[in-house]
N, C-alpha and C. Protein backbone atom coordinates (compact mmCIF):
# COMPACT_ATOMS: atom_id res chain seq x y z
N MET A 1 -7.65 -24.50 -23.90
CA MET A 1 -7.21 -23.15 -24.22
C MET A 1 -7.80 -22.13 -23.23
N LYS A 2 -9.11 -22.31 -22.93
CA LYS A 2 -9.78 -21.40 -22.00
C LYS A 2 -9.10 -21.43 -20.62
N LYS A 3 -8.73 -22.64 -20.19
CA LYS A 3 -8.08 -22.79 -18.88
C LYS A 3 -6.71 -22.11 -18.88
N ALA A 4 -5.98 -22.24 -19.97
CA ALA A 4 -4.65 -21.62 -20.06
C ALA A 4 -4.78 -20.10 -20.00
N ILE A 5 -5.75 -19.55 -20.71
CA ILE A 5 -5.97 -18.09 -20.69
C ILE A 5 -6.36 -17.65 -19.28
N LEU A 6 -7.21 -18.45 -18.62
CA LEU A 6 -7.61 -18.12 -17.25
C LEU A 6 -6.40 -18.10 -16.33
N TYR A 7 -5.54 -19.10 -16.41
CA TYR A 7 -4.36 -19.17 -15.54
C TYR A 7 -3.39 -18.02 -15.82
N ILE A 8 -3.17 -17.73 -17.09
CA ILE A 8 -2.23 -16.65 -17.45
C ILE A 8 -2.79 -15.30 -17.00
N SER A 9 -4.07 -15.05 -17.29
CA SER A 9 -4.66 -13.76 -16.90
C SER A 9 -4.72 -13.63 -15.37
N THR A 10 -4.99 -14.73 -14.67
CA THR A 10 -5.01 -14.69 -13.20
C THR A 10 -3.61 -14.42 -12.66
N GLY A 11 -2.60 -15.04 -13.26
CA GLY A 11 -1.23 -14.79 -12.83
C GLY A 11 -0.82 -13.34 -13.01
N LEU A 12 -1.14 -12.79 -14.18
CA LEU A 12 -0.83 -11.37 -14.43
C LEU A 12 -1.59 -10.45 -13.48
N LEU A 13 -2.87 -10.76 -13.28
CA LEU A 13 -3.71 -9.97 -12.39
C LEU A 13 -3.15 -9.98 -10.98
N CYS A 14 -2.81 -11.16 -10.48
CA CYS A 14 -2.29 -11.28 -9.11
C CYS A 14 -0.94 -10.60 -8.97
N PHE A 15 -0.10 -10.71 -10.01
CA PHE A 15 1.19 -10.03 -9.95
C PHE A 15 1.01 -8.52 -9.90
N MET A 16 0.16 -7.99 -10.79
CA MET A 16 -0.03 -6.53 -10.84
C MET A 16 -0.64 -6.00 -9.55
N PHE A 17 -1.71 -6.65 -9.07
CA PHE A 17 -2.34 -6.18 -7.84
C PHE A 17 -1.49 -6.48 -6.61
N GLY A 18 -0.80 -7.61 -6.63
CA GLY A 18 0.07 -7.95 -5.50
C GLY A 18 1.19 -6.93 -5.33
N MET A 19 1.88 -6.65 -6.42
CA MET A 19 2.98 -5.67 -6.35
C MET A 19 2.44 -4.27 -6.08
N GLY A 20 1.36 -3.91 -6.76
CA GLY A 20 0.76 -2.58 -6.54
C GLY A 20 0.29 -2.41 -5.10
N GLY A 21 -0.32 -3.46 -4.55
CA GLY A 21 -0.79 -3.39 -3.17
C GLY A 21 0.36 -3.33 -2.18
N LEU A 22 1.38 -4.15 -2.40
CA LEU A 22 2.53 -4.15 -1.49
C LEU A 22 3.27 -2.81 -1.50
N VAL A 23 3.39 -2.22 -2.68
CA VAL A 23 4.05 -0.91 -2.78
C VAL A 23 3.28 0.15 -2.00
N LYS A 24 1.96 0.00 -1.94
CA LYS A 24 1.14 0.95 -1.17
C LYS A 24 1.27 0.73 0.34
N LEU A 25 1.69 -0.47 0.73
CA LEU A 25 1.77 -0.80 2.15
C LEU A 25 3.13 -0.50 2.78
N THR A 26 4.19 -0.62 2.01
CA THR A 26 5.52 -0.46 2.59
C THR A 26 6.51 0.14 1.59
N PRO A 27 7.39 1.01 2.07
CA PRO A 27 8.43 1.55 1.18
C PRO A 27 9.58 0.57 0.96
N ALA A 28 9.57 -0.58 1.66
CA ALA A 28 10.68 -1.54 1.56
C ALA A 28 10.83 -2.11 0.15
N ILE A 29 9.75 -2.21 -0.60
CA ILE A 29 9.81 -2.80 -1.94
C ILE A 29 10.45 -1.82 -2.92
N SER A 30 9.98 -0.58 -2.91
CA SER A 30 10.53 0.45 -3.79
C SER A 30 10.25 1.81 -3.16
N PRO A 31 11.23 2.38 -2.46
CA PRO A 31 11.00 3.67 -1.80
C PRO A 31 10.54 4.77 -2.76
N ASP A 32 11.10 4.80 -3.96
CA ASP A 32 10.71 5.84 -4.92
C ASP A 32 9.25 5.68 -5.34
N THR A 33 8.84 4.45 -5.64
CA THR A 33 7.46 4.21 -6.05
C THR A 33 6.50 4.48 -4.90
N TYR A 34 6.89 4.10 -3.68
CA TYR A 34 6.06 4.35 -2.51
C TYR A 34 5.82 5.86 -2.34
N ASN A 35 6.89 6.65 -2.44
CA ASN A 35 6.76 8.10 -2.31
C ASN A 35 5.95 8.71 -3.44
N GLU A 36 6.11 8.17 -4.64
CA GLU A 36 5.31 8.65 -5.77
C GLU A 36 3.82 8.35 -5.53
N MET A 37 3.55 7.14 -5.02
CA MET A 37 2.16 6.78 -4.70
C MET A 37 1.58 7.72 -3.64
N LYS A 38 2.39 8.03 -2.63
CA LYS A 38 1.92 8.95 -1.58
C LYS A 38 1.53 10.30 -2.16
N SER A 39 2.33 10.79 -3.10
CA SER A 39 1.99 12.09 -3.69
C SER A 39 0.72 11.99 -4.54
N HIS A 40 0.53 10.87 -5.24
CA HIS A 40 -0.70 10.67 -6.01
C HIS A 40 -1.91 10.61 -5.08
N PHE A 41 -1.79 9.91 -3.97
CA PHE A 41 -2.91 9.78 -3.05
C PHE A 41 -3.23 11.10 -2.36
N ARG A 42 -2.24 12.00 -2.25
CA ARG A 42 -2.53 13.36 -1.74
C ARG A 42 -3.47 14.07 -2.71
N GLU A 43 -3.22 13.88 -4.01
CA GLU A 43 -4.10 14.47 -5.03
C GLU A 43 -5.48 13.82 -4.98
N TYR A 44 -5.51 12.49 -4.87
CA TYR A 44 -6.78 11.77 -4.87
C TYR A 44 -7.65 12.14 -3.67
N ALA A 45 -7.04 12.45 -2.55
CA ALA A 45 -7.80 12.82 -1.35
C ALA A 45 -8.51 14.15 -1.52
N ARG A 46 -8.13 14.94 -2.53
CA ARG A 46 -8.78 16.23 -2.80
C ARG A 46 -9.93 16.11 -3.79
N VAL A 47 -10.19 14.89 -4.26
CA VAL A 47 -11.25 14.63 -5.24
C VAL A 47 -12.56 14.35 -4.50
N PRO A 48 -13.68 14.93 -5.00
CA PRO A 48 -14.97 14.61 -4.39
C PRO A 48 -15.28 13.11 -4.56
N PRO A 49 -15.88 12.48 -3.63
CA PRO A 49 -16.40 12.92 -2.34
C PRO A 49 -15.39 12.87 -1.21
N PHE A 50 -14.15 12.41 -1.51
CA PHE A 50 -13.16 12.24 -0.45
C PHE A 50 -12.74 13.56 0.17
N ASN A 51 -12.78 14.64 -0.60
CA ASN A 51 -12.41 15.95 -0.05
C ASN A 51 -13.42 16.43 0.98
N LYS A 52 -14.65 15.95 0.88
CA LYS A 52 -15.70 16.36 1.84
C LYS A 52 -15.54 15.68 3.19
N ILE A 53 -14.98 14.47 3.20
CA ILE A 53 -14.87 13.74 4.47
C ILE A 53 -13.50 13.90 5.11
N GLY A 54 -12.60 14.58 4.44
CA GLY A 54 -11.28 14.83 5.01
C GLY A 54 -10.46 13.56 5.21
N LEU A 55 -10.49 12.69 4.22
CA LEU A 55 -9.78 11.42 4.29
C LEU A 55 -8.28 11.66 4.26
N ASP A 56 -7.58 11.07 5.21
CA ASP A 56 -6.12 11.17 5.27
C ASP A 56 -5.51 10.39 4.09
N PRO A 57 -4.67 11.02 3.26
CA PRO A 57 -4.12 10.34 2.08
C PRO A 57 -3.33 9.07 2.42
N SER A 58 -2.57 9.10 3.51
CA SER A 58 -1.80 7.91 3.88
C SER A 58 -2.71 6.76 4.28
N LEU A 59 -3.78 7.07 5.00
CA LEU A 59 -4.75 6.05 5.39
C LEU A 59 -5.48 5.52 4.16
N PHE A 60 -5.82 6.40 3.25
CA PHE A 60 -6.48 6.02 2.00
C PHE A 60 -5.60 5.04 1.22
N MET A 61 -4.32 5.37 1.09
CA MET A 61 -3.38 4.52 0.37
C MET A 61 -3.24 3.17 1.08
N LEU A 62 -3.17 3.18 2.39
CA LEU A 62 -3.06 1.95 3.17
C LEU A 62 -4.29 1.07 2.97
N MET A 63 -5.47 1.67 3.01
CA MET A 63 -6.71 0.90 2.83
C MET A 63 -6.77 0.25 1.45
N VAL A 64 -6.41 1.00 0.42
CA VAL A 64 -6.42 0.44 -0.94
C VAL A 64 -5.41 -0.70 -1.05
N GLY A 65 -4.23 -0.52 -0.48
CA GLY A 65 -3.21 -1.57 -0.50
C GLY A 65 -3.67 -2.83 0.21
N ILE A 66 -4.32 -2.68 1.36
CA ILE A 66 -4.82 -3.84 2.10
C ILE A 66 -5.89 -4.57 1.30
N VAL A 67 -6.79 -3.82 0.69
CA VAL A 67 -7.85 -4.44 -0.13
C VAL A 67 -7.23 -5.20 -1.30
N GLU A 68 -6.27 -4.59 -1.98
CA GLU A 68 -5.65 -5.24 -3.14
C GLU A 68 -4.94 -6.54 -2.74
N VAL A 69 -4.13 -6.48 -1.70
CA VAL A 69 -3.39 -7.67 -1.27
C VAL A 69 -4.34 -8.74 -0.74
N SER A 70 -5.37 -8.34 -0.03
CA SER A 70 -6.36 -9.31 0.49
C SER A 70 -7.09 -10.01 -0.65
N CYS A 71 -7.45 -9.27 -1.68
CA CYS A 71 -8.14 -9.87 -2.82
C CYS A 71 -7.22 -10.83 -3.57
N VAL A 72 -5.96 -10.48 -3.71
CA VAL A 72 -5.00 -11.39 -4.36
C VAL A 72 -4.89 -12.67 -3.55
N ALA A 73 -4.82 -12.54 -2.23
CA ALA A 73 -4.75 -13.74 -1.37
C ALA A 73 -6.00 -14.59 -1.56
N ALA A 74 -7.16 -13.97 -1.62
CA ALA A 74 -8.41 -14.71 -1.79
C ALA A 74 -8.45 -15.41 -3.15
N ILE A 75 -7.89 -14.79 -4.17
CA ILE A 75 -7.88 -15.41 -5.50
C ILE A 75 -6.91 -16.59 -5.53
N LEU A 76 -5.78 -16.48 -4.84
CA LEU A 76 -4.76 -17.52 -4.90
C LEU A 76 -4.98 -18.67 -3.92
N LEU A 77 -5.61 -18.41 -2.79
CA LEU A 77 -5.81 -19.46 -1.80
C LEU A 77 -6.85 -20.46 -2.27
N PRO A 78 -6.71 -21.71 -1.84
CA PRO A 78 -7.69 -22.72 -2.26
C PRO A 78 -8.99 -22.61 -1.46
N ILE A 79 -9.80 -21.65 -1.82
CA ILE A 79 -11.08 -21.44 -1.14
C ILE A 79 -12.21 -21.55 -2.15
N ASN A 80 -13.38 -21.33 -1.69
CA ASN A 80 -14.60 -21.41 -2.49
C ASN A 80 -14.51 -20.51 -3.73
N LEU A 81 -14.98 -21.02 -4.87
CA LEU A 81 -14.96 -20.24 -6.12
C LEU A 81 -15.76 -18.95 -6.00
N LYS A 82 -16.87 -18.98 -5.26
CA LYS A 82 -17.67 -17.76 -5.09
C LYS A 82 -16.87 -16.67 -4.41
N GLN A 83 -16.02 -17.04 -3.46
CA GLN A 83 -15.18 -16.04 -2.79
C GLN A 83 -14.12 -15.48 -3.73
N LYS A 84 -13.60 -16.33 -4.60
CA LYS A 84 -12.62 -15.87 -5.60
C LYS A 84 -13.28 -14.89 -6.57
N VAL A 85 -14.51 -15.21 -6.98
CA VAL A 85 -15.26 -14.32 -7.89
C VAL A 85 -15.55 -13.00 -7.17
N LEU A 86 -15.96 -13.08 -5.91
CA LEU A 86 -16.22 -11.86 -5.14
C LEU A 86 -14.96 -11.00 -5.04
N ALA A 87 -13.82 -11.62 -4.78
CA ALA A 87 -12.56 -10.87 -4.69
C ALA A 87 -12.25 -10.18 -6.01
N THR A 88 -12.54 -10.85 -7.12
CA THR A 88 -12.31 -10.24 -8.43
C THR A 88 -13.26 -9.06 -8.65
N TRP A 89 -14.52 -9.20 -8.24
CA TRP A 89 -15.47 -8.08 -8.35
C TRP A 89 -15.02 -6.90 -7.49
N VAL A 90 -14.47 -7.18 -6.31
CA VAL A 90 -13.97 -6.10 -5.46
C VAL A 90 -12.85 -5.36 -6.18
N LEU A 91 -11.97 -6.10 -6.85
CA LEU A 91 -10.89 -5.46 -7.60
C LEU A 91 -11.43 -4.64 -8.77
N VAL A 92 -12.52 -5.08 -9.38
CA VAL A 92 -13.17 -4.26 -10.42
C VAL A 92 -13.62 -2.93 -9.82
N GLY A 93 -14.18 -2.99 -8.62
CA GLY A 93 -14.60 -1.76 -7.94
C GLY A 93 -13.42 -0.86 -7.62
N VAL A 94 -12.32 -1.45 -7.17
CA VAL A 94 -11.11 -0.66 -6.89
C VAL A 94 -10.62 0.02 -8.16
N MET A 95 -10.66 -0.70 -9.28
CA MET A 95 -10.20 -0.12 -10.55
C MET A 95 -11.16 0.95 -11.06
N ALA A 96 -12.45 0.76 -10.81
CA ALA A 96 -13.40 1.82 -11.18
C ALA A 96 -13.06 3.09 -10.40
N GLY A 97 -12.75 2.93 -9.13
CA GLY A 97 -12.34 4.08 -8.32
C GLY A 97 -11.04 4.69 -8.81
N ALA A 98 -10.10 3.84 -9.20
CA ALA A 98 -8.82 4.34 -9.70
C ALA A 98 -9.01 5.12 -10.99
N LEU A 99 -9.83 4.59 -11.89
CA LEU A 99 -10.08 5.31 -13.15
C LEU A 99 -10.80 6.63 -12.90
N TYR A 100 -11.72 6.64 -11.95
CA TYR A 100 -12.40 7.88 -11.56
C TYR A 100 -11.39 8.91 -11.05
N MET A 101 -10.48 8.47 -10.20
CA MET A 101 -9.46 9.38 -9.65
C MET A 101 -8.57 9.92 -10.75
N HIS A 102 -8.12 9.06 -11.66
CA HIS A 102 -7.27 9.52 -12.76
C HIS A 102 -8.00 10.56 -13.60
N PHE A 103 -9.26 10.32 -13.88
CA PHE A 103 -10.06 11.26 -14.66
C PHE A 103 -10.20 12.59 -13.92
N MET A 104 -10.51 12.52 -12.63
CA MET A 104 -10.78 13.74 -11.85
C MET A 104 -9.54 14.61 -11.64
N VAL A 105 -8.35 14.00 -11.56
CA VAL A 105 -7.15 14.82 -11.37
C VAL A 105 -6.51 15.21 -12.69
N GLY A 106 -7.13 14.80 -13.82
CA GLY A 106 -6.64 15.22 -15.13
C GLY A 106 -5.48 14.40 -15.66
N ASP A 107 -5.30 13.18 -15.15
CA ASP A 107 -4.24 12.31 -15.67
C ASP A 107 -4.56 11.91 -17.10
N GLY A 108 -3.52 11.65 -17.84
CA GLY A 108 -3.68 11.19 -19.22
C GLY A 108 -3.75 9.68 -19.30
N LEU A 109 -3.78 9.19 -20.51
CA LEU A 109 -3.88 7.76 -20.77
C LEU A 109 -2.67 7.01 -20.19
N LYS A 110 -1.50 7.61 -20.26
CA LYS A 110 -0.28 6.97 -19.75
C LYS A 110 -0.42 6.66 -18.25
N GLU A 111 -0.92 7.60 -17.49
CA GLU A 111 -1.06 7.40 -16.05
C GLU A 111 -2.18 6.42 -15.72
N ALA A 112 -3.22 6.40 -16.54
CA ALA A 112 -4.37 5.53 -16.29
C ALA A 112 -4.19 4.12 -16.85
N MET A 113 -3.16 3.90 -17.66
CA MET A 113 -3.00 2.61 -18.33
C MET A 113 -2.91 1.41 -17.37
N PRO A 114 -2.18 1.49 -16.25
CA PRO A 114 -2.19 0.33 -15.34
C PRO A 114 -3.60 -0.01 -14.84
N ALA A 115 -4.39 1.00 -14.53
CA ALA A 115 -5.77 0.76 -14.06
C ALA A 115 -6.62 0.17 -15.19
N ILE A 116 -6.40 0.63 -16.40
CA ILE A 116 -7.14 0.09 -17.54
C ILE A 116 -6.77 -1.38 -17.76
N MET A 117 -5.47 -1.68 -17.72
CA MET A 117 -5.00 -3.06 -17.92
C MET A 117 -5.54 -3.99 -16.83
N CYS A 118 -5.50 -3.53 -15.59
CA CYS A 118 -6.01 -4.35 -14.49
C CYS A 118 -7.52 -4.55 -14.62
N SER A 119 -8.22 -3.54 -15.06
CA SER A 119 -9.67 -3.66 -15.28
C SER A 119 -9.97 -4.70 -16.34
N VAL A 120 -9.22 -4.67 -17.43
CA VAL A 120 -9.41 -5.64 -18.51
C VAL A 120 -9.13 -7.05 -18.01
N LEU A 121 -8.06 -7.23 -17.24
CA LEU A 121 -7.75 -8.55 -16.69
C LEU A 121 -8.84 -9.05 -15.75
N CYS A 122 -9.37 -8.16 -14.92
CA CYS A 122 -10.47 -8.54 -14.01
C CYS A 122 -11.70 -8.99 -14.80
N VAL A 123 -12.09 -8.21 -15.79
CA VAL A 123 -13.28 -8.54 -16.58
C VAL A 123 -13.04 -9.84 -17.36
N LEU A 124 -11.85 -10.02 -17.91
CA LEU A 124 -11.53 -11.26 -18.61
C LEU A 124 -11.64 -12.46 -17.66
N ARG A 125 -11.12 -12.31 -16.46
CA ARG A 125 -11.19 -13.40 -15.47
C ARG A 125 -12.65 -13.71 -15.13
N LEU A 126 -13.45 -12.69 -14.91
CA LEU A 126 -14.87 -12.91 -14.58
C LEU A 126 -15.60 -13.58 -15.73
N PHE A 127 -15.28 -13.18 -16.94
CA PHE A 127 -15.89 -13.79 -18.13
C PHE A 127 -15.51 -15.27 -18.21
N LEU A 128 -14.22 -15.57 -18.02
CA LEU A 128 -13.76 -16.96 -18.11
C LEU A 128 -14.31 -17.83 -16.99
N LEU A 129 -14.57 -17.23 -15.84
CA LEU A 129 -15.15 -17.99 -14.72
C LEU A 129 -16.66 -18.14 -14.86
N GLY A 130 -17.24 -17.50 -15.85
CA GLY A 130 -18.68 -17.60 -16.07
C GLY A 130 -19.49 -16.65 -15.22
N SER A 131 -18.83 -15.65 -14.62
CA SER A 131 -19.54 -14.69 -13.79
C SER A 131 -20.17 -13.57 -14.63
N ILE A 132 -19.69 -13.41 -15.84
CA ILE A 132 -20.23 -12.43 -16.78
C ILE A 132 -20.66 -13.20 -18.02
N ASP A 133 -21.90 -13.07 -18.42
CA ASP A 133 -22.37 -13.74 -19.63
C ASP A 133 -22.02 -12.89 -20.84
N PRO A 134 -21.64 -13.53 -21.93
CA PRO A 134 -21.38 -12.75 -23.15
C PRO A 134 -22.68 -12.16 -23.67
N PRO A 135 -22.60 -11.02 -24.32
CA PRO A 135 -23.83 -10.40 -24.83
C PRO A 135 -24.47 -11.28 -25.90
N LYS A 136 -25.77 -11.29 -25.88
CA LYS A 136 -26.55 -12.04 -26.88
C LYS A 136 -26.92 -11.07 -28.00
N ILE A 137 -26.42 -11.31 -29.19
CA ILE A 137 -26.68 -10.44 -30.33
C ILE A 137 -27.66 -11.14 -31.26
N ARG A 138 -28.74 -10.49 -31.52
CA ARG A 138 -29.75 -11.03 -32.43
C ARG A 138 -29.63 -10.36 -33.78
N LEU A 139 -29.58 -11.15 -34.81
CA LEU A 139 -29.46 -10.63 -36.15
C LEU A 139 -30.72 -10.90 -36.97
N ASP A 140 -31.85 -10.58 -36.39
CA ASP A 140 -33.15 -10.80 -37.08
C ASP A 140 -33.44 -9.69 -38.06
């Protein structure tokens, strides 16, 4: 059962990050979604600390897309388990950044829900891989 949950959650995770990353890289997949992402990243580039360094929104979106697609490739390719776990932790970091951006620009739960779902899938995957220990509760 644990293995089935791991495979299903990994499949969902890779699909969500794969499609999300590809949409950030090229308008060929969905021009409307690509343009919507560009407008969101214009807002995100005005959020501290990115507003202080003058980060170009298009470059920011491209970097996030490359990281997402690279992590999906690392998770799917037959490589060392430690590298797969590292790729999942990197995606946790990306989602922490995404949730921070949604909070800072005043987005509601609806806009933040994909980031929340991806975060949950990442943490579930890490838990199932044994990278996160379950909390020890003492009832003394």
